[in-house]
Amino acid sequence: RSLPTRVSANNDVVIRVTYTALRSRGSPV
């Protein structure tokens, strides 16, 4: 990744939250 540490870390958090939200909704992820 060529992104700064803050941006990449924040992006990982967003991905985790989105992934968890999709799982809680029962989407086949």
PDB file of N, CA and C in Angstrom:
ATOM      1  N   ARG A   1       0.836  -1.201   0.000  1.00  0.00           N
ATOM      2  CA  ARG A   1       0.000   0.000   0.000  1.00  0.00           C
ATOM      3  C   ARG A   1       0.864   1.242   0.000  1.00  0.00           C
ATOM      4  N   SER A   2       0.480   2.213  -0.814  1.00  0.00           N
ATOM      5  CA  SER A   2       1.238   3.464  -0.855  1.00  0.00           C
ATOM      6  C   SER A   2       0.547   4.528  -0.016  1.00  0.00           C
ATOM      7  N   LEU A   3      -0.480   4.106   0.745  1.00  0.00           N
ATOM      8  CA  LEU A   3      -1.215   5.064   1.560  1.00  0.00           C
ATOM      9  C   LEU A   3      -0.479   5.308   2.870  1.00  0.00           C
ATOM     10  N   PRO A   4      -0.693   6.474   3.459  1.00  0.00           N
ATOM     11  CA  PRO A   4      -0.105   6.759   4.774  1.00  0.00           C
ATOM     12  C   PRO A   4      -0.641   5.779   5.811  1.00  0.00           C
ATOM     13  N   THR A   5       0.085   5.624   6.915  1.00  0.00           N
ATOM     14  CA  THR A   5      -0.310   4.643   7.925  1.00  0.00           C
ATOM     15  C   THR A   5      -1.694   4.954   8.468  1.00  0.00           C
ATOM     16  N   ARG A   6      -1.967   6.220   8.719  1.00  0.00           N
ATOM     17  CA  ARG A   6      -3.275   6.595   9.280  1.00  0.00           C
ATOM     18  C   ARG A   6      -4.397   6.200   8.330  1.00  0.00           C
ATOM     19  N   VAL A   7      -4.220   6.531   7.064  1.00  0.00           N
ATOM     20  CA  VAL A   7      -5.286   6.270   6.085  1.00  0.00           C
ATOM     21  C   VAL A   7      -5.492   4.772   5.926  1.00  0.00           C
ATOM     22  N   SER A   8      -4.418   4.016   5.812  1.00  0.00           N
ATOM     23  CA  SER A   8      -4.550   2.570   5.604  1.00  0.00           C
ATOM     24  C   SER A   8      -5.174   1.917   6.835  1.00  0.00           C
ATOM     25  N   ALA A   9      -4.773   2.363   8.022  1.00  0.00           N
ATOM     26  CA  ALA A   9      -5.332   1.790   9.248  1.00  0.00           C
ATOM     27  C   ALA A   9      -6.810   2.118   9.340  1.00  0.00           C
ATOM     28  N   ASN A  10      -7.170   3.361   9.035  1.00  0.00           N
ATOM     29  CA  ASN A  10      -8.568   3.765   9.091  1.00  0.00           C
ATOM     30  C   ASN A  10      -9.367   2.977   8.065  1.00  0.00           C
ATOM     31  N   ASN A  11      -8.780   2.747   6.899  1.00  0.00           N
ATOM     32  CA  ASN A  11      -9.465   1.994   5.852  1.00  0.00           C
ATOM     33  C   ASN A  11      -9.727   0.573   6.315  1.00  0.00           C
ATOM     34  N   ASP A  12      -8.771  -0.022   7.018  1.00  0.00           N
ATOM     35  CA  ASP A  12      -8.957  -1.384   7.521  1.00  0.00           C
ATOM     36  C   ASP A  12     -10.125  -1.427   8.503  1.00  0.00           C
ATOM     37  N   VAL A  13     -10.237  -0.384   9.337  1.00  0.00           N
ATOM     38  CA  VAL A  13     -11.341  -0.334  10.303  1.00  0.00           C
ATOM     39  C   VAL A  13     -12.664  -0.255   9.567  1.00  0.00           C
ATOM     40  N   VAL A  14     -12.716   0.582   8.544  1.00  0.00           N
ATOM     41  CA  VAL A  14     -13.961   0.731   7.780  1.00  0.00           C
ATOM     42  C   VAL A  14     -14.341  -0.589   7.128  1.00  0.00           C
ATOM     43  N   ILE A  15     -13.340  -1.288   6.577  1.00  0.00           N
ATOM     44  CA  ILE A  15     -13.611  -2.573   5.924  1.00  0.00           C
ATOM     45  C   ILE A  15     -14.133  -3.572   6.953  1.00  0.00           C
ATOM     46  N   ARG A  16     -13.518  -3.593   8.127  1.00  0.00           N
ATOM     47  CA  ARG A  16     -13.963  -4.528   9.168  1.00  0.00           C
ATOM     48  C   ARG A  16     -15.399  -4.245   9.566  1.00  0.00           C
ATOM     49  N   VAL A  17     -15.725  -2.973   9.799  1.00  0.00           N
ATOM     50  CA  VAL A  17     -17.086  -2.609  10.216  1.00  0.00           C
ATOM     51  C   VAL A  17     -18.081  -2.973   9.128  1.00  0.00           C
ATOM     52  N   THR A  18     -17.720  -2.679   7.873  1.00  0.00           N
ATOM     53  CA  THR A  18     -18.629  -2.998   6.764  1.00  0.00           C
ATOM     54  C   THR A  18     -18.818  -4.496   6.651  1.00  0.00           C
ATOM     55  N   TYR A  19     -17.724  -5.250   6.770  1.00  0.00           N
ATOM     56  CA  TYR A  19     -17.797  -6.709   6.681  1.00  0.00           C
ATOM     57  C   TYR A  19     -18.677  -7.270   7.790  1.00  0.00           C
ATOM     58  N   THR A  20     -18.492  -6.763   9.004  1.00  0.00           N
ATOM     59  CA  THR A  20     -19.297  -7.226  10.137  1.00  0.00           C
ATOM     60  C   THR A  20     -20.757  -6.871   9.927  1.00  0.00           C
ATOM     61  N   ALA A  21     -21.017  -5.687   9.416  1.00  0.00           N
ATOM     62  CA  ALA A  21     -22.401  -5.264   9.180  1.00  0.00           C
ATOM     63  C   ALA A  21     -23.058  -6.168   8.144  1.00  0.00           C
ATOM     64  N   LEU A  22     -22.319  -6.498   7.094  1.00  0.00           N
ATOM     65  CA  LEU A  22     -22.874  -7.370   6.056  1.00  0.00           C
ATOM     66  C   LEU A  22     -23.155  -8.757   6.626  1.00  0.00           C
ATOM     67  N   ARG A  23     -22.265  -9.253   7.471  1.00  0.00           N
ATOM     68  CA  ARG A  23     -22.468 -10.575   8.062  1.00  0.00           C
ATOM     69  C   ARG A  23     -23.690 -10.560   8.963  1.00  0.00           C
ATOM     70  N   SER A  24     -23.854  -9.473   9.736  1.00  0.00           N
ATOM     71  CA  SER A  24     -24.987  -9.399  10.658  1.00  0.00           C
ATOM     72  C   SER A  24     -26.298  -9.330   9.882  1.00  0.00           C
ATOM     73  N   ARG A  25     -26.229  -8.809   8.652  1.00  0.00           N
ATOM     74  CA  ARG A  25     -27.424  -8.735   7.818  1.00  0.00           C
ATOM     75  C   ARG A  25     -27.711 -10.066   7.146  1.00  0.00           C
ATOM     76  N   GLY A  26     -26.740 -10.977   7.214  1.00  0.00           N
ATOM     77  CA  GLY A  26     -26.947 -12.306   6.655  1.00  0.00           C
ATOM     78  C   GLY A  26     -26.545 -12.379   5.195  1.00  0.00           C
ATOM     79  N   SER A  27     -25.744 -11.413   4.736  1.00  0.00           N
ATOM     80  CA  SER A  27     -25.307 -11.449   3.339  1.00  0.00           C
ATOM     81  C   SER A  27     -24.210 -12.490   3.171  1.00  0.00           C
ATOM     82  N   PRO A  28     -24.252 -13.267   2.105  1.00  0.00           N
ATOM     83  CA  PRO A  28     -23.226 -14.297   1.862  1.00  0.00           C
ATOM     84  C   PRO A  28     -21.899 -13.683   1.457  1.00  0.00           C
ATOM     85  N   VAL A  29     -21.116 -13.244   2.416  1.00  0.00           N
ATOM     86  CA  VAL A  29     -19.836 -12.608   2.117  1.00  0.00           C
ATOM     87  C   VAL A  29     -18.709 -13.621   2.337  1.00  0.00           C
TER      88      VAL A  29
END
